[in-house]
């Protein structure tokens, strides 16, 4: 198992500020509010010219009542009011149906109220990208829990300071993951907030585990900055959660 985590972002329930040269070597030119609450924790971040403020709470089951106060807390820590932000980024899924809906509704409400653009960011891709500080070769397998014993995953390859998608998001029981990855010669690293359910599988197929306590709302910011710089953002009405319903038609 890969050990350690990024010291600036490890742990839950506290605020941290870190400089951009420690974060993806990216300079932020916009004040972006980012929200990530798709699974297992609630996280809010704001990008500033000299760094990022991020706060993460472990009380994920209380997302509905915690997310707005958390947003207000991070904005206050940043010295900003809502009207001062340039854009809102939201982790768009896959993840928990209820948490996705809450996070998206909160992000849309703030974007609508301030008149700023809303930028959706793939949870799976951001999770893979956030692992680049610790994994520079082999195959990255970001994993997000679905129903009990079932997961969303995709396959990425590190590509310099980016990740390249090798296979799209798929929804499978953990037992099927064994068939998918058994026999692969490349080093494989499962990246997940909770690696416990994957330990037996990783040992059996010779893969590594990376506990992603470094994955926060700050992980969305490079994607949002890039999308905003590359062209016109999507309309507010067109941004929807990625529920991956094609995999979940049974319920």
C-alpha atoms as a PDB file:
ATOM      1  CA  UNK A   1       0.000   0.000   0.000  1.00  0.00           C
ATOM      2  CA  UNK A   2       1.183   3.492  -0.772  1.00  0.00           C
ATOM      3  CA  UNK A   3       1.733   5.405   2.442  1.00  0.00           C
ATOM      4  CA  UNK A   4       1.219   8.972   3.532  1.00  0.00           C
ATOM      5  CA  UNK A   5      -0.828  11.819   2.162  1.00  0.00           C
ATOM      6  CA  UNK A   6      -0.343  15.406   1.140  1.00  0.00           C
ATOM      7  CA  UNK A   7       0.315  17.163   4.454  1.00  0.00           C
ATOM      8  CA  UNK A   8      -1.588  20.270   3.465  1.00  0.00           C
ATOM      9  CA  UNK A   9      -4.874  18.419   2.996  1.00  0.00           C
ATOM     10  CA  UNK A  10      -4.793  15.373   5.266  1.00  0.00           C
ATOM     11  CA  UNK A  11      -7.345  14.865   7.994  1.00  0.00           C
ATOM     12  CA  UNK A  12     -10.886  16.057   8.433  1.00  0.00           C
ATOM     13  CA  UNK A  13     -12.596  18.975  10.037  1.00  0.00           C
ATOM     14  CA  UNK A  14      -9.927  21.627   9.784  1.00  0.00           C
ATOM     15  CA  UNK A  15      -8.954  24.446   7.469  1.00  0.00           C
ATOM     16  CA  UNK A  16      -5.704  24.748   5.605  1.00  0.00           C
ATOM     17  CA  UNK A  17      -4.105  27.233   3.236  1.00  0.00           C
ATOM     18  CA  UNK A  18      -1.339  26.249   0.870  1.00  0.00           C
ATOM     19  CA  UNK A  19       0.493  27.899  -1.973  1.00  0.00           C
ATOM     20  CA  UNK A  20      -0.049  27.079  -5.616  1.00  0.00           C
ATOM     21  CA  UNK A  21       3.512  25.883  -6.249  1.00  0.00           C
ATOM     22  CA  UNK A  22       2.646  23.034  -3.876  1.00  0.00           C
ATOM     23  CA  UNK A  23      -0.552  22.312  -5.784  1.00  0.00           C
ATOM     24  CA  UNK A  24      -0.305  21.040  -9.339  1.00  0.00           C
ATOM     25  CA  UNK A  25       2.097  23.860 -10.319  1.00  0.00           C
ATOM     26  CA  UNK A  26      -0.935  25.848 -11.432  1.00  0.00           C
ATOM     27  CA  UNK A  27      -1.592  29.529 -10.927  1.00  0.00           C
ATOM     28  CA  UNK A  28      -5.236  30.427 -10.443  1.00  0.00           C
ATOM     29  CA  UNK A  29      -6.391  33.609 -12.109  1.00  0.00           C
ATOM     30  CA  UNK A  30      -9.962  33.319 -10.865  1.00  0.00           C
ATOM     31  CA  UNK A  31     -11.596  33.099  -7.479  1.00  0.00           C
ATOM     32  CA  UNK A  32     -13.365  29.747  -7.803  1.00  0.00           C
ATOM     33  CA  UNK A  33     -15.586  28.185  -5.156  1.00  0.00           C
ATOM     34  CA  UNK A  34     -15.439  24.380  -5.363  1.00  0.00           C
ATOM     35  CA  UNK A  35     -17.803  21.859  -3.749  1.00  0.00           C
ATOM     36  CA  UNK A  36     -17.121  18.120  -3.376  1.00  0.00           C
ATOM     37  CA  UNK A  37     -19.615  15.972  -1.428  1.00  0.00           C
ATOM     38  CA  UNK A  38     -20.154  12.928  -3.644  1.00  0.00           C
ATOM     39  CA  UNK A  39     -19.080  10.310  -1.104  1.00  0.00           C
ATOM     40  CA  UNK A  40     -17.800   9.883   2.448  1.00  0.00           C
ATOM     41  CA  UNK A  41     -16.989  13.519   3.289  1.00  0.00           C
ATOM     42  CA  UNK A  42     -17.944  17.124   2.542  1.00  0.00           C
ATOM     43  CA  UNK A  43     -15.342  19.509   1.192  1.00  0.00           C
ATOM     44  CA  UNK A  44     -15.352  23.128   0.071  1.00  0.00           C
ATOM     45  CA  UNK A  45     -12.419  25.125  -1.361  1.00  0.00           C
ATOM     46  CA  UNK A  46     -11.752  28.592  -2.739  1.00  0.00           C
ATOM     47  CA  UNK A  47      -8.875  29.489  -5.049  1.00  0.00           C
ATOM     48  CA  UNK A  48      -7.091  32.792  -4.474  1.00  0.00           C
ATOM     49  CA  UNK A  49      -4.197  34.491  -6.290  1.00  0.00           C
ATOM     50  CA  UNK A  50      -1.776  33.361  -3.564  1.00  0.00           C
ATOM     51  CA  UNK A  51      -3.199  29.971  -2.636  1.00  0.00           C
ATOM     52  CA  UNK A  52      -6.223  27.882  -1.769  1.00  0.00           C
ATOM     53  CA  UNK A  53      -8.406  27.684   1.304  1.00  0.00           C
ATOM     54  CA  UNK A  54     -10.038  24.315   1.847  1.00  0.00           C
ATOM     55  CA  UNK A  55     -12.098  22.779   4.623  1.00  0.00           C
ATOM     56  CA  UNK A  56     -13.211  19.155   4.805  1.00  0.00           C
ATOM     57  CA  UNK A  57     -15.736  17.595   7.176  1.00  0.00           C
ATOM     58  CA  UNK A  58     -16.189  13.920   7.863  1.00  0.00           C
ATOM     59  CA  UNK A  59     -19.861  14.317   8.768  1.00  0.00           C
ATOM     60  CA  UNK A  60     -20.968  13.252   5.308  1.00  0.00           C
ATOM     61  CA  UNK A  61     -24.324  11.861   6.469  1.00  0.00           C
ATOM     62  CA  UNK A  62     -25.219  15.424   7.475  1.00  0.00           C
ATOM     63  CA  UNK A  63     -24.444  16.945   4.084  1.00  0.00           C
ATOM     64  CA  UNK A  64     -27.833  18.647   3.726  1.00  0.00           C
ATOM     65  CA  UNK A  65     -27.451  20.643   6.950  1.00  0.00           C
ATOM     66  CA  UNK A  66     -23.671  21.122   6.835  1.00  0.00           C
ATOM     67  CA  UNK A  67     -22.820  22.170   3.309  1.00  0.00           C
ATOM     68  CA  UNK A  68     -24.097  25.772   3.303  1.00  0.00           C
ATOM     69  CA  UNK A  69     -22.472  26.664   6.665  1.00  0.00           C
ATOM     70  CA  UNK A  70     -19.265  25.075   5.355  1.00  0.00           C
ATOM     71  CA  UNK A  71     -19.399  27.234   2.215  1.00  0.00           C
ATOM     72  CA  UNK A  72     -19.914  30.351   4.328  1.00  0.00           C
ATOM     73  CA  UNK A  73     -17.049  29.359   6.631  1.00  0.00           C
ATOM     74  CA  UNK A  74     -14.585  28.878   3.758  1.00  0.00           C
ATOM     75  CA  UNK A  75     -15.616  32.156   2.122  1.00  0.00           C
ATOM     76  CA  UNK A  76     -15.102  33.953   5.433  1.00  0.00           C
ATOM     77  CA  UNK A  77     -11.695  32.307   5.814  1.00  0.00           C
ATOM     78  CA  UNK A  78     -10.876  33.533   2.303  1.00  0.00           C
ATOM     79  CA  UNK A  79     -12.006  37.080   3.057  1.00  0.00           C
ATOM     80  CA  UNK A  80     -14.645  36.908   0.336  1.00  0.00           C
ATOM     81  CA  UNK A  81     -18.387  37.321  -0.006  1.00  0.00           C
ATOM     82  CA  UNK A  82     -20.341  35.196  -2.442  1.00  0.00           C
ATOM     83  CA  UNK A  83     -20.664  38.037  -4.933  1.00  0.00           C
ATOM     84  CA  UNK A  84     -16.860  38.232  -5.180  1.00  0.00           C
ATOM     85  CA  UNK A  85     -16.350  34.750  -6.615  1.00  0.00           C
ATOM     86  CA  UNK A  86     -15.795  34.331 -10.351  1.00  0.00           C
ATOM     87  CA  UNK A  87     -17.123  30.775 -10.771  1.00  0.00           C
ATOM     88  CA  UNK A  88     -18.449  27.733  -8.955  1.00  0.00           C
ATOM     89  CA  UNK A  89     -17.056  24.233  -9.538  1.00  0.00           C
ATOM     90  CA  UNK A  90     -18.947  21.140  -8.448  1.00  0.00           C
ATOM     91  CA  UNK A  91     -17.954  17.496  -8.276  1.00  0.00           C
ATOM     92  CA  UNK A  92     -20.513  16.079 -10.690  1.00  0.00           C
ATOM     93  CA  UNK A  93     -20.270  12.378  -9.925  1.00  0.00           C
ATOM     94  CA  UNK A  94     -20.622   9.526  -9.919  1.00  0.00           C
ATOM     95  CA  UNK A  95     -21.314   9.082  -6.236  1.00  0.00           C
ATOM     96  CA  UNK A  96     -24.184   8.927  -3.783  1.00  0.00           C
ATOM     97  CA  UNK A  97     -27.477   9.840  -5.461  1.00  0.00           C
ATOM     98  CA  UNK A  98     -28.608  11.972  -2.515  1.00  0.00           C
ATOM     99  CA  UNK A  99     -25.260  13.701  -1.949  1.00  0.00           C
ATOM    100  CA  UNK A 100     -24.882  14.454  -5.658  1.00  0.00           C
ATOM    101  CA  UNK A 101     -28.300  16.062  -5.690  1.00  0.00           C
ATOM    102  CA  UNK A 102     -27.529  18.171  -2.599  1.00  0.00           C
ATOM    103  CA  UNK A 103     -24.140  19.278  -3.876  1.00  0.00           C
ATOM    104  CA  UNK A 104     -25.462  20.162  -7.310  1.00  0.00           C
ATOM    105  CA  UNK A 105     -28.449  22.061  -5.898  1.00  0.00           C
ATOM    106  CA  UNK A 106     -26.176  24.064  -3.594  1.00  0.00           C
ATOM    107  CA  UNK A 107     -23.719  24.868  -6.381  1.00  0.00           C
ATOM    108  CA  UNK A 108     -26.509  25.854  -8.771  1.00  0.00           C
ATOM    109  CA  UNK A 109     -28.141  28.059  -6.168  1.00  0.00           C
ATOM    110  CA  UNK A 110     -24.900  29.938  -5.522  1.00  0.00           C
ATOM    111  CA  UNK A 111     -24.126  30.264  -9.238  1.00  0.00           C
ATOM    112  CA  UNK A 112     -27.627  31.531  -9.959  1.00  0.00           C
ATOM    113  CA  UNK A 113     -27.610  33.959  -7.050  1.00  0.00           C
ATOM    114  CA  UNK A 114     -24.233  35.444  -7.975  1.00  0.00           C
ATOM    115  CA  UNK A 115     -24.632  35.249 -11.754  1.00  0.00           C
ATOM    116  CA  UNK A 116     -21.330  33.390 -12.160  1.00  0.00           C
ATOM    117  CA  UNK A 117     -20.708  30.268 -14.287  1.00  0.00           C
ATOM    118  CA  UNK A 118     -21.057  26.730 -12.925  1.00  0.00           C
ATOM    119  CA  UNK A 119     -18.392  24.225 -13.985  1.00  0.00           C
ATOM    120  CA  UNK A 120     -19.009  20.474 -13.499  1.00  0.00           C
ATOM    121  CA  UNK A 121     -15.946  18.311 -12.841  1.00  0.00           C
ATOM    122  CA  UNK A 122     -15.882  14.524 -13.098  1.00  0.00           C
ATOM    123  CA  UNK A 123     -15.389  13.041  -9.637  1.00  0.00           C
ATOM    124  CA  UNK A 124     -13.582  10.000 -11.031  1.00  0.00           C
ATOM    125  CA  UNK A 125     -11.155  12.012 -13.167  1.00  0.00           C
ATOM    126  CA  UNK A 126     -10.409  14.488 -10.382  1.00  0.00           C
ATOM    127  CA  UNK A 127      -9.790  11.600  -7.990  1.00  0.00           C
ATOM    128  CA  UNK A 128      -7.289  10.050 -10.418  1.00  0.00           C
ATOM    129  CA  UNK A 129      -5.588  13.386 -11.060  1.00  0.00           C
ATOM    130  CA  UNK A 130      -5.225  14.111  -7.359  1.00  0.00           C
ATOM    131  CA  UNK A 131      -3.103  10.955  -6.998  1.00  0.00           C
ATOM    132  CA  UNK A 132      -0.387  12.179  -9.376  1.00  0.00           C
ATOM    133  CA  UNK A 133       1.646  13.535  -6.492  1.00  0.00           C
ATOM    134  CA  UNK A 134       2.226   9.961  -5.321  1.00  0.00           C
ATOM    135  CA  UNK A 135       1.812   7.773  -8.414  1.00  0.00           C
ATOM    136  CA  UNK A 136       3.709   8.628 -11.590  1.00  0.00           C
ATOM    137  CA  UNK A 137       3.592   5.358 -13.544  1.00  0.00           C
ATOM    138  CA  UNK A 138       1.427   2.281 -14.036  1.00  0.00           C
ATOM    139  CA  UNK A 139      -2.360   2.382 -14.077  1.00  0.00           C
ATOM    140  CA  UNK A 140      -4.508   4.517 -11.801  1.00  0.00           C
ATOM    141  CA  UNK A 141      -7.868   3.019 -10.857  1.00  0.00           C
ATOM    142  CA  UNK A 142     -10.003   5.629  -9.067  1.00  0.00           C
ATOM    143  CA  UNK A 143     -12.827   3.941  -7.173  1.00  0.00           C
ATOM    144  CA  UNK A 144     -16.036   5.478  -5.796  1.00  0.00           C
ATOM    145  CA  UNK A 145     -18.499   3.360  -3.759  1.00  0.00           C
ATOM    146  CA  UNK A 146     -21.973   2.715  -5.128  1.00  0.00           C
ATOM    147  CA  UNK A 147     -24.225   0.168  -3.472  1.00  0.00           C
ATOM    148  CA  UNK A 148     -22.771  -2.141  -0.838  1.00  0.00           C
ATOM    149  CA  UNK A 149     -20.050  -4.243  -2.412  1.00  0.00           C
ATOM    150  CA  UNK A 150     -20.332  -2.379  -5.729  1.00  0.00           C
ATOM    151  CA  UNK A 151     -18.204   0.415  -7.127  1.00  0.00           C
ATOM    152  CA  UNK A 152     -17.751   2.915  -9.907  1.00  0.00           C
ATOM    153  CA  UNK A 153     -14.287   2.832 -11.402  1.00  0.00           C
ATOM    154  CA  UNK A 154     -12.365   3.989 -14.449  1.00  0.00           C
ATOM    155  CA  UNK A 155      -8.847   3.441 -15.702  1.00  0.00           C
ATOM    156  CA  UNK A 156      -6.305   6.235 -16.154  1.00  0.00           C
ATOM    157  CA  UNK A 157      -2.642   6.449 -17.056  1.00  0.00           C
ATOM    158  CA  UNK A 158      -0.367   9.217 -15.724  1.00  0.00           C
ATOM    159  CA  UNK A 159       0.622  11.474 -18.604  1.00  0.00           C
ATOM    160  CA  UNK A 160       3.080  14.078 -17.379  1.00  0.00           C
ATOM    161  CA  UNK A 161       1.102  16.557 -15.297  1.00  0.00           C
ATOM    162  CA  UNK A 162      -2.229  15.127 -16.451  1.00  0.00           C
ATOM    163  CA  UNK A 163      -4.046  11.797 -16.617  1.00  0.00           C
ATOM    164  CA  UNK A 164      -5.205  10.018 -19.758  1.00  0.00           C
ATOM    165  CA  UNK A 165      -8.433   8.013 -19.686  1.00  0.00           C
ATOM    166  CA  UNK A 166      -7.860   4.405 -20.703  1.00  0.00           C
ATOM    167  CA  UNK A 167     -11.399   3.162 -20.045  1.00  0.00           C
ATOM    168  CA  UNK A 168     -14.606   5.032 -19.113  1.00  0.00           C
ATOM    169  CA  UNK A 169     -16.564   4.859 -15.874  1.00  0.00           C
ATOM    170  CA  UNK A 170     -17.990   1.417 -15.202  1.00  0.00           C
ATOM    171  CA  UNK A 171     -20.225   0.113 -12.402  1.00  0.00           C
ATOM    172  CA  UNK A 172     -19.360  -3.370 -11.071  1.00  0.00           C
ATOM    173  CA  UNK A 173     -19.388  -5.569  -7.959  1.00  0.00           C
ATOM    174  CA  UNK A 174     -15.991  -5.871  -6.295  1.00  0.00           C
ATOM    175  CA  UNK A 175     -15.857  -9.531  -7.359  1.00  0.00           C
ATOM    176  CA  UNK A 176     -15.917  -8.493 -11.022  1.00  0.00           C
ATOM    177  CA  UNK A 177     -12.963  -6.166 -10.508  1.00  0.00           C
ATOM    178  CA  UNK A 178     -10.840  -9.245  -9.932  1.00  0.00           C
ATOM    179  CA  UNK A 179     -11.672 -10.575 -13.396  1.00  0.00           C
ATOM    180  CA  UNK A 180     -11.012  -7.189 -14.985  1.00  0.00           C
ATOM    181  CA  UNK A 181      -7.552  -6.602 -13.530  1.00  0.00           C
ATOM    182  CA  UNK A 182      -6.169 -10.074 -12.853  1.00  0.00           C
ATOM    183  CA  UNK A 183      -3.232 -10.844 -15.108  1.00  0.00           C
ATOM    184  CA  UNK A 184      -2.372  -7.275 -16.072  1.00  0.00           C
ATOM    185  CA  UNK A 185       1.392  -6.788 -16.126  1.00  0.00           C
ATOM    186  CA  UNK A 186       1.407  -3.047 -15.466  1.00  0.00           C
ATOM    187  CA  UNK A 187       1.547  -1.767 -11.879  1.00  0.00           C
ATOM    188  CA  UNK A 188      -2.004  -1.043 -10.742  1.00  0.00           C
ATOM    189  CA  UNK A 189      -3.018   1.352  -8.004  1.00  0.00           C
ATOM    190  CA  UNK A 190      -6.557   1.546  -6.628  1.00  0.00           C
ATOM    191  CA  UNK A 191      -7.253   5.104  -5.447  1.00  0.00           C
ATOM    192  CA  UNK A 192     -10.111   5.453  -2.961  1.00  0.00           C
ATOM    193  CA  UNK A 193     -11.086   7.379   0.145  1.00  0.00           C
ATOM    194  CA  UNK A 194     -11.827   4.081   1.875  1.00  0.00           C
ATOM    195  CA  UNK A 195      -9.490   1.315   0.743  1.00  0.00           C
ATOM    196  CA  UNK A 196     -10.762  -1.238   3.291  1.00  0.00           C
ATOM    197  CA  UNK A 197     -13.269  -2.967   0.971  1.00  0.00           C
ATOM    198  CA  UNK A 198     -10.521  -3.328  -1.655  1.00  0.00           C
ATOM    199  CA  UNK A 199      -7.775  -4.811   0.511  1.00  0.00           C
ATOM    200  CA  UNK A 200      -8.495  -8.478  -0.176  1.00  0.00           C
ATOM    201  CA  UNK A 201      -8.862  -7.836  -3.896  1.00  0.00           C
ATOM    202  CA  UNK A 202      -5.627  -5.843  -4.116  1.00  0.00           C
ATOM    203  CA  UNK A 203      -3.681  -8.548  -2.315  1.00  0.00           C
ATOM    204  CA  UNK A 204      -5.097 -11.274  -4.541  1.00  0.00           C
ATOM    205  CA  UNK A 205      -4.296  -9.539  -7.842  1.00  0.00           C
ATOM    206  CA  UNK A 206      -1.035  -7.913  -6.725  1.00  0.00           C
ATOM    207  CA  UNK A 207      -2.238  -4.310  -6.901  1.00  0.00           C
ATOM    208  CA  UNK A 208      -1.426  -1.390  -4.640  1.00  0.00           C
ATOM    209  CA  UNK A 209      -3.818   0.743  -2.615  1.00  0.00           C
ATOM    210  CA  UNK A 210      -3.692   4.500  -2.163  1.00  0.00           C
ATOM    211  CA  UNK A 211      -5.981   5.994   0.475  1.00  0.00           C
ATOM    212  CA  UNK A 212      -7.156   9.265  -1.004  1.00  0.00           C
ATOM    213  CA  UNK A 213      -7.548  11.447   2.068  1.00  0.00           C
ATOM    214  CA  UNK A 214      -5.830  14.086  -0.090  1.00  0.00           C
ATOM    215  CA  UNK A 215      -8.861  14.233  -2.424  1.00  0.00           C
ATOM    216  CA  UNK A 216     -10.809  17.385  -1.550  1.00  0.00           C
ATOM    217  CA  UNK A 217     -12.733  20.146  -3.258  1.00  0.00           C
ATOM    218  CA  UNK A 218      -9.336  21.690  -4.052  1.00  0.00           C
ATOM    219  CA  UNK A 219      -8.805  18.780  -6.463  1.00  0.00           C
ATOM    220  CA  UNK A 220     -11.534  20.233  -8.693  1.00  0.00           C
ATOM    221  CA  UNK A 221      -9.894  23.619  -9.114  1.00  0.00           C
ATOM    222  CA  UNK A 222      -7.349  22.829 -11.871  1.00  0.00           C
ATOM    223  CA  UNK A 223     -10.139  21.351 -14.011  1.00  0.00           C
ATOM    224  CA  UNK A 224     -12.411  24.317 -13.447  1.00  0.00           C
ATOM    225  CA  UNK A 225      -9.650  26.816 -14.228  1.00  0.00           C
ATOM    226  CA  UNK A 226      -8.791  24.957 -17.433  1.00  0.00           C
ATOM    227  CA  UNK A 227     -12.413  24.740 -18.581  1.00  0.00           C
ATOM    228  CA  UNK A 228     -13.017  28.416 -17.904  1.00  0.00           C
ATOM    229  CA  UNK A 229      -9.864  29.364 -19.801  1.00  0.00           C
ATOM    230  CA  UNK A 230     -10.651  27.181 -22.803  1.00  0.00           C
ATOM    231  CA  UNK A 231     -13.985  28.673 -23.759  1.00  0.00           C
ATOM    232  CA  UNK A 232     -17.571  29.417 -22.874  1.00  0.00           C
ATOM    233  CA  UNK A 233     -18.798  27.536 -19.769  1.00  0.00           C
ATOM    234  CA  UNK A 234     -21.966  25.430 -19.999  1.00  0.00           C
ATOM    235  CA  UNK A 235     -25.341  26.971 -19.301  1.00  0.00           C
ATOM    236  CA  UNK A 236     -26.640  26.573 -15.773  1.00  0.00           C
ATOM    237  CA  UNK A 237     -29.607  24.528 -17.001  1.00  0.00           C
ATOM    238  CA  UNK A 238     -27.395  22.039 -18.839  1.00  0.00           C
ATOM    239  CA  UNK A 239     -25.298  21.075 -15.798  1.00  0.00           C
ATOM    240  CA  UNK A 240     -26.665  17.901 -14.194  1.00  0.00           C
ATOM    241  CA  UNK A 241     -25.283  15.247 -11.827  1.00  0.00           C
ATOM    242  CA  UNK A 242     -23.638  12.215 -13.392  1.00  0.00           C
ATOM    243  CA  UNK A 243     -25.803   9.580 -11.749  1.00  0.00           C
ATOM    244  CA  UNK A 244     -24.569   6.856 -14.143  1.00  0.00           C
ATOM    245  CA  UNK A 245     -28.153   5.690 -14.491  1.00  0.00           C
ATOM    246  CA  UNK A 246     -27.215   3.428 -17.392  1.00  0.00           C
ATOM    247  CA  UNK A 247     -25.545   1.204 -14.793  1.00  0.00           C
ATOM    248  CA  UNK A 248     -28.282   1.555 -12.167  1.00  0.00           C
ATOM    249  CA  UNK A 249     -31.528   0.831 -13.965  1.00  0.00           C
ATOM    250  CA  UNK A 250     -32.411  -1.689 -11.287  1.00  0.00           C
ATOM    251  CA  UNK A 251     -32.926   0.989  -8.646  1.00  0.00           C
END
